[in-house]
């Protein structure tokens, strides 16, 4: 799986209909209309997310590796 930073993941989520609800410290909380799922994306500069966390966030968002740029 390609590594990406929290900033990059936020851009991908926004392209797929997720919107930023609030920011709590370095965590950006995303939600989607009609969904009870909330995603907490750690944004720490351009530090890449760990593979397991990235995979979990994508699965929770209903996205796959093929949705990444």
PDB file of N, CA and C in Angstrom:
ATOM      1  N   UNK A   1       0.845  -1.183   0.000  1.00  0.00           N
ATOM      2  CA  UNK A   1       0.000   0.000   0.000  1.00  0.00           C
ATOM      3  C   UNK A   1       0.888   1.244   0.000  1.00  0.00           C
ATOM      4  N   UNK A   2       0.509   2.208  -0.803  1.00  0.00           N
ATOM      5  CA  UNK A   2       1.248   3.463  -0.898  1.00  0.00           C
ATOM      6  C   UNK A   2       1.049   4.271   0.383  1.00  0.00           C
ATOM      7  N   UNK A   3       2.133   4.810   0.934  1.00  0.00           N
ATOM      8  CA  UNK A   3       1.987   5.615   2.150  1.00  0.00           C
ATOM      9  C   UNK A   3       1.546   7.025   1.776  1.00  0.00           C
ATOM     10  N   UNK A   4       0.806   7.649   2.689  1.00  0.00           N
ATOM     11  CA  UNK A   4       0.372   9.021   2.461  1.00  0.00           C
ATOM     12  C   UNK A   4       0.222   9.722   3.797  1.00  0.00           C
ATOM     13  N   UNK A   5       0.293  11.043   3.753  1.00  0.00           N
ATOM     14  CA  UNK A   5       0.181  11.824   4.982  1.00  0.00           C
ATOM     15  C   UNK A   5      -1.297  12.058   5.311  1.00  0.00           C
ATOM     16  N   UNK A   6      -1.545  12.551   6.501  1.00  0.00           N
ATOM     17  CA  UNK A   6      -2.903  12.873   6.911  1.00  0.00           C
ATOM     18  C   UNK A   6      -3.517  13.935   6.020  1.00  0.00           C
ATOM     19  N   UNK A   7      -2.703  14.917   5.606  1.00  0.00           N
ATOM     20  CA  UNK A   7      -3.189  15.985   4.715  1.00  0.00           C
ATOM     21  C   UNK A   7      -3.687  15.402   3.396  1.00  0.00           C
ATOM     22  N   UNK A   8      -2.904  14.477   2.838  1.00  0.00           N
ATOM     23  CA  UNK A   8      -3.277  13.862   1.565  1.00  0.00           C
ATOM     24  C   UNK A   8      -4.549  13.040   1.711  1.00  0.00           C
ATOM     25  N   UNK A   9      -4.675  12.320   2.820  1.00  0.00           N
ATOM     26  CA  UNK A   9      -5.872  11.525   3.049  1.00  0.00           C
ATOM     27  C   UNK A   9      -7.097  12.425   3.187  1.00  0.00           C
ATOM     28  N   UNK A  10      -6.941  13.566   3.834  1.00  0.00           N
ATOM     29  CA  UNK A  10      -8.054  14.515   3.968  1.00  0.00           C
ATOM     30  C   UNK A  10      -8.545  14.969   2.594  1.00  0.00           C
ATOM     31  N   UNK A  11      -7.606  15.238   1.687  1.00  0.00           N
ATOM     32  CA  UNK A  11      -7.988  15.642   0.331  1.00  0.00           C
ATOM     33  C   UNK A  11      -8.778  14.540  -0.368  1.00  0.00           C
ATOM     34  N   UNK A  12      -8.332  13.301  -0.230  1.00  0.00           N
ATOM     35  CA  UNK A  12      -9.016  12.167  -0.857  1.00  0.00           C
ATOM     36  C   UNK A  12     -10.425  12.017  -0.282  1.00  0.00           C
ATOM     37  N   UNK A  13     -10.561  12.121   1.037  1.00  0.00           N
ATOM     38  CA  UNK A  13     -11.875  12.003   1.674  1.00  0.00           C
ATOM     39  C   UNK A  13     -12.822  13.090   1.169  1.00  0.00           C
ATOM     40  N   UNK A  14     -12.327  14.322   1.072  1.00  0.00           N
ATOM     41  CA  UNK A  14     -13.170  15.423   0.608  1.00  0.00           C
ATOM     42  C   UNK A  14     -13.612  15.221  -0.836  1.00  0.00           C
ATOM     43  N   UNK A  15     -12.773  14.603  -1.657  1.00  0.00           N
ATOM     44  CA  UNK A  15     -13.139  14.318  -3.045  1.00  0.00           C
ATOM     45  C   UNK A  15     -14.237  13.262  -3.129  1.00  0.00           C
ATOM     46  N   UNK A  16     -14.388  12.450  -2.086  1.00  0.00           N
ATOM     47  CA  UNK A  16     -15.390  11.387  -2.073  1.00  0.00           C
ATOM     48  C   UNK A  16     -16.592  11.727  -1.199  1.00  0.00           C
ATOM     49  N   UNK A  17     -16.822  13.021  -0.941  1.00  0.00           N
ATOM     50  CA  UNK A  17     -18.045  13.446  -0.274  1.00  0.00           C
ATOM     51  C   UNK A  17     -17.963  13.608   1.227  1.00  0.00           C
ATOM     52  N   UNK A  18     -16.832  13.334   1.852  1.00  0.00           N
ATOM     53  CA  UNK A  18     -16.684  13.529   3.294  1.00  0.00           C
ATOM     54  C   UNK A  18     -16.410  15.003   3.549  1.00  0.00           C
ATOM     55  N   UNK A  19     -16.913  15.514   4.666  1.00  0.00           N
ATOM     56  CA  UNK A  19     -16.635  16.915   4.964  1.00  0.00           C
ATOM     57  C   UNK A  19     -16.123  17.068   6.387  1.00  0.00           C
ATOM     58  N   UNK A  20     -15.294  18.082   6.562  1.00  0.00           N
ATOM     59  CA  UNK A  20     -14.667  18.344   7.850  1.00  0.00           C
ATOM     60  C   UNK A  20     -15.714  18.882   8.810  1.00  0.00           C
ATOM     61  N   UNK A  21     -15.910  18.197   9.933  1.00  0.00           N
ATOM     62  CA  UNK A  21     -16.875  18.624  10.937  1.00  0.00           C
ATOM     63  C   UNK A  21     -16.227  19.509  11.992  1.00  0.00           C
ATOM     64  N   UNK A  22     -15.047  19.105  12.447  1.00  0.00           N
ATOM     65  CA  UNK A  22     -14.344  19.889  13.464  1.00  0.00           C
ATOM     66  C   UNK A  22     -12.889  19.445  13.524  1.00  0.00           C
ATOM     67  N   UNK A  23     -12.098  20.240  14.230  1.00  0.00           N
ATOM     68  CA  UNK A  23     -10.693  19.911  14.446  1.00  0.00           C
ATOM     69  C   UNK A  23     -10.470  19.898  15.947  1.00  0.00           C
ATOM     70  N   UNK A  24      -9.902  18.815  16.443  1.00  0.00           N
ATOM     71  CA  UNK A  24      -9.607  18.693  17.873  1.00  0.00           C
ATOM     72  C   UNK A  24      -8.117  18.407  17.997  1.00  0.00           C
ATOM     73  N   UNK A  25      -7.340  19.430  18.280  1.00  0.00           N
ATOM     74  CA  UNK A  25      -5.883  19.270  18.313  1.00  0.00           C
ATOM     75  C   UNK A  25      -5.363  19.011  16.917  1.00  0.00           C
ATOM     76  N   UNK A  26      -4.642  17.914  16.747  1.00  0.00           N
ATOM     77  CA  UNK A  26      -4.113  17.581  15.423  1.00  0.00           C
ATOM     78  C   UNK A  26      -5.008  16.593  14.689  1.00  0.00           C
ATOM     79  N   UNK A  27      -6.182  16.300  15.242  1.00  0.00           N
ATOM     80  CA  UNK A  27      -7.092  15.339  14.620  1.00  0.00           C
ATOM     81  C   UNK A  27      -8.237  16.055  13.917  1.00  0.00           C
ATOM     82  N   UNK A  28      -8.397  15.748  12.651  1.00  0.00           N
ATOM     83  CA  UNK A  28      -9.493  16.305  11.857  1.00  0.00           C
ATOM     84  C   UNK A  28     -10.609  15.272  11.840  1.00  0.00           C
ATOM     85  N   UNK A  29     -11.798  15.680  12.246  1.00  0.00           N
ATOM     86  CA  UNK A  29     -12.944  14.776  12.344  1.00  0.00           C
ATOM     87  C   UNK A  29     -13.820  14.976  11.108  1.00  0.00           C
ATOM     88  N   UNK A  30     -14.029  13.895  10.354  1.00  0.00           N
ATOM     89  CA  UNK A  30     -14.810  13.935   9.121  1.00  0.00           C
ATOM     90  C   UNK A  30     -16.109  13.158   9.279  1.00  0.00           C
ATOM     91  N   UNK A  31     -17.147  13.637   8.614  1.00  0.00           N
ATOM     92  CA  UNK A  31     -18.427  12.956   8.579  1.00  0.00           C
ATOM     93  C   UNK A  31     -18.997  13.028   7.180  1.00  0.00           C
ATOM     94  N   UNK A  32     -20.013  12.216   6.943  1.00  0.00           N
ATOM     95  CA  UNK A  32     -20.648  12.180   5.625  1.00  0.00           C
ATOM     96  C   UNK A  32     -22.158  12.179   5.819  1.00  0.00           C
ATOM     97  N   UNK A  33     -22.855  12.890   4.980  1.00  0.00           N
ATOM     98  CA  UNK A  33     -24.317  12.965   5.041  1.00  0.00           C
ATOM     99  C   UNK A  33     -24.917  11.574   4.934  1.00  0.00           C
ATOM    100  N   UNK A  34     -25.796  11.230   5.851  1.00  0.00           N
ATOM    101  CA  UNK A  34     -26.471   9.941   5.829  1.00  0.00           C
ATOM    102  C   UNK A  34     -25.663   8.794   6.412  1.00  0.00           C
ATOM    103  N   UNK A  35     -24.544   9.100   7.023  1.00  0.00           N
ATOM    104  CA  UNK A  35     -23.704   8.063   7.600  1.00  0.00           C
ATOM    105  C   UNK A  35     -23.437   8.379   9.065  1.00  0.00           C
ATOM    106  N   UNK A  36     -23.423   7.343   9.905  1.00  0.00           N
ATOM    107  CA  UNK A  36     -23.138   7.547  11.324  1.00  0.00           C
ATOM    108  C   UNK A  36     -21.637   7.439  11.610  1.00  0.00           C
ATOM    109  N   UNK A  37     -20.856   7.095  10.601  1.00  0.00           N
ATOM    110  CA  UNK A  37     -19.419   6.917  10.762  1.00  0.00           C
ATOM    111  C   UNK A  37     -18.737   8.277  10.884  1.00  0.00           C
ATOM    112  N   UNK A  38     -17.802   8.388  11.833  1.00  0.00           N
ATOM    113  CA  UNK A  38     -16.961   9.565  11.976  1.00  0.00           C
ATOM    114  C   UNK A  38     -15.521   9.098  11.855  1.00  0.00           C
ATOM    115  N   UNK A  39     -14.741   9.805  11.076  1.00  0.00           N
ATOM    116  CA  UNK A  39     -13.342   9.452  10.871  1.00  0.00           C
ATOM    117  C   UNK A  39     -12.455  10.486  11.553  1.00  0.00           C
ATOM    118  N   UNK A  40     -11.515  10.030  12.329  1.00  0.00           N
ATOM    119  CA  UNK A  40     -10.567  10.899  13.001  1.00  0.00           C
ATOM    120  C   UNK A  40      -9.208  10.724  12.323  1.00  0.00           C
ATOM    121  N   UNK A  41      -8.802  11.735  11.555  1.00  0.00           N
ATOM    122  CA  UNK A  41      -7.560  11.652  10.782  1.00  0.00           C
ATOM    123  C   UNK A  41      -6.486  12.492  11.465  1.00  0.00           C
ATOM    124  N   UNK A  42      -5.396  11.882  11.913  1.00  0.00           N
ATOM    125  CA  UNK A  42      -4.318  12.668  12.514  1.00  0.00           C
ATOM    126  C   UNK A  42      -3.536  13.408  11.428  1.00  0.00           C
ATOM    127  N   UNK A  43      -3.469  14.727  11.547  1.00  0.00           N
ATOM    128  CA  UNK A  43      -2.744  15.543  10.580  1.00  0.00           C
ATOM    129  C   UNK A  43      -1.546  16.152  11.302  1.00  0.00           C
ATOM    130  N   UNK A  44      -0.396  15.611  11.031  1.00  0.00           N
ATOM    131  CA  UNK A  44       0.832  16.081  11.679  1.00  0.00           C
ATOM    132  C   UNK A  44       1.842  16.432  10.592  1.00  0.00           C
ATOM    133  N   UNK A  45       1.624  17.573   9.938  1.00  0.00           N
ATOM    134  CA  UNK A  45       2.507  17.988   8.848  1.00  0.00           C
ATOM    135  C   UNK A  45       2.432  17.004   7.700  1.00  0.00           C
ATOM    136  N   UNK A  46       3.592  16.648   7.205  1.00  0.00           N
ATOM    137  CA  UNK A  46       3.641  15.682   6.096  1.00  0.00           C
ATOM    138  C   UNK A  46       4.120  14.316   6.565  1.00  0.00           C
ATOM    139  N   UNK A  47       3.952  14.036   7.856  1.00  0.00           N
ATOM    140  CA  UNK A  47       4.330  12.731   8.400  1.00  0.00           C
ATOM    141  C   UNK A  47       3.392  11.666   7.849  1.00  0.00           C
ATOM    142  N   UNK A  48       3.940  10.606   7.243  1.00  0.00           N
ATOM    143  CA  UNK A  48       3.063   9.572   6.682  1.00  0.00           C
ATOM    144  C   UNK A  48       2.320   8.804   7.773  1.00  0.00           C
ATOM    145  N   UNK A  49       1.081   8.414   7.462  1.00  0.00           N
ATOM    146  CA  UNK A  49       0.285   7.593   8.366  1.00  0.00           C
ATOM    147  C   UNK A  49       0.818   6.169   8.319  1.00  0.00           C
ATOM    148  N   UNK A  50       0.698   5.461   9.415  1.00  0.00           N
ATOM    149  CA  UNK A  50       1.112   4.063   9.424  1.00  0.00           C
ATOM    150  C   UNK A  50       0.136   3.255   8.572  1.00  0.00           C
ATOM    151  N   UNK A  51       0.630   2.205   7.974  1.00  0.00           N
ATOM    152  CA  UNK A  51      -0.145   1.417   7.014  1.00  0.00           C
ATOM    153  C   UNK A  51      -1.440   0.871   7.606  1.00  0.00           C
ATOM    154  N   UNK A  52      -1.398   0.356   8.824  1.00  0.00           N
ATOM    155  CA  UNK A  52      -2.595  -0.211   9.451  1.00  0.00           C
ATOM    156  C   UNK A  52      -3.662   0.835   9.682  1.00  0.00           C
ATOM    157  N   UNK A  53      -3.262   2.022  10.140  1.00  0.00           N
ATOM    158  CA  UNK A  53      -4.212   3.112  10.366  1.00  0.00           C
ATOM    159  C   UNK A  53      -4.816   3.572   9.045  1.00  0.00           C
ATOM    160  N   UNK A  54      -3.992   3.729   8.029  1.00  0.00           N
ATOM    161  CA  UNK A  54      -4.479   4.148   6.717  1.00  0.00           C
ATOM    162  C   UNK A  54      -5.486   3.140   6.168  1.00  0.00           C
ATOM    163  N   UNK A  55      -5.171   1.859   6.274  1.00  0.00           N
ATOM    164  CA  UNK A  55      -6.067   0.805   5.791  1.00  0.00           C
ATOM    165  C   UNK A  55      -7.393   0.834   6.555  1.00  0.00           C
ATOM    166  N   UNK A  56      -7.333   1.035   7.885  1.00  0.00           N
ATOM    167  CA  UNK A  56      -8.543   1.094   8.709  1.00  0.00           C
ATOM    168  C   UNK A  56      -9.410   2.302   8.333  1.00  0.00           C
ATOM    169  N   UNK A  57      -8.801   3.466   8.145  1.00  0.00           N
ATOM    170  CA  UNK A  57      -9.563   4.665   7.798  1.00  0.00           C
ATOM    171  C   UNK A  57     -10.220   4.518   6.423  1.00  0.00           C
ATOM    172  N   UNK A  58      -9.491   3.955   5.474  1.00  0.00           N
ATOM    173  CA  UNK A  58     -10.068   3.757   4.136  1.00  0.00           C
ATOM    174  C   UNK A  58     -11.238   2.780   4.187  1.00  0.00           C
ATOM    175  N   UNK A  59     -11.086   1.694   4.939  1.00  0.00           N
ATOM    176  CA  UNK A  59     -12.161   0.703   5.050  1.00  0.00           C
ATOM    177  C   UNK A  59     -13.385   1.326   5.725  1.00  0.00           C
ATOM    178  N   UNK A  60     -13.174   2.101   6.765  1.00  0.00           N
ATOM    179  CA  UNK A  60     -14.283   2.757   7.471  1.00  0.00           C
ATOM    180  C   UNK A  60     -14.991   3.757   6.570  1.00  0.00           C
ATOM    181  N   UNK A  61     -14.241   4.383   5.659  1.00  0.00           N
ATOM    182  CA  UNK A  61     -14.812   5.371   4.746  1.00  0.00           C
ATOM    183  C   UNK A  61     -15.484   4.710   3.544  1.00  0.00           C
ATOM    184  N   UNK A  62     -15.326   3.401   3.407  1.00  0.00           N
ATOM    185  CA  UNK A  62     -15.912   2.705   2.259  1.00  0.00           C
ATOM    186  C   UNK A  62     -15.077   2.871   1.001  1.00  0.00           C
ATOM    187  N   UNK A  63     -13.801   3.151   1.165  1.00  0.00           N
ATOM    188  CA  UNK A  63     -12.906   3.339   0.042  1.00  0.00           C
ATOM    189  C   UNK A  63     -11.905   2.200   0.004  1.00  0.00           C
ATOM    190  N   UNK A  64     -11.237   2.074  -1.114  1.00  0.00           N
ATOM    191  CA  UNK A  64     -10.219   1.039  -1.254  1.00  0.00           C
ATOM    192  C   UNK A  64      -8.925   1.644  -1.781  1.00  0.00           C
ATOM    193  N   UNK A  65      -7.934   0.805  -1.973  1.00  0.00           N
ATOM    194  CA  UNK A  65      -6.650   1.259  -2.484  1.00  0.00           C
ATOM    195  C   UNK A  65      -6.788   1.858  -3.884  1.00  0.00           C
ATOM    196  N   UNK A  66      -7.754   1.370  -4.643  1.00  0.00           N
ATOM    197  CA  UNK A  66      -7.963   1.865  -6.010  1.00  0.00           C
ATOM    198  C   UNK A  66      -8.494   3.305  -6.023  1.00  0.00           C
ATOM    199  N   UNK A  67      -8.995   3.813  -4.898  1.00  0.00           N
ATOM    200  CA  UNK A  67      -9.505   5.189  -4.817  1.00  0.00           C
ATOM    201  C   UNK A  67      -8.410   6.209  -4.534  1.00  0.00           C
ATOM    202  N   UNK A  68      -7.217   5.730  -4.220  1.00  0.00           N
ATOM    203  CA  UNK A  68      -6.094   6.632  -3.918  1.00  0.00           C
ATOM    204  C   UNK A  68      -5.463   7.151  -5.214  1.00  0.00           C
ATOM    205  N   UNK A  69      -4.937   8.383  -5.163  1.00  0.00           N
ATOM    206  CA  UNK A  69      -4.282   8.928  -6.373  1.00  0.00           C
ATOM    207  C   UNK A  69      -2.973   8.242  -6.679  1.00  0.00           C
TER     208      UNK A  69
END
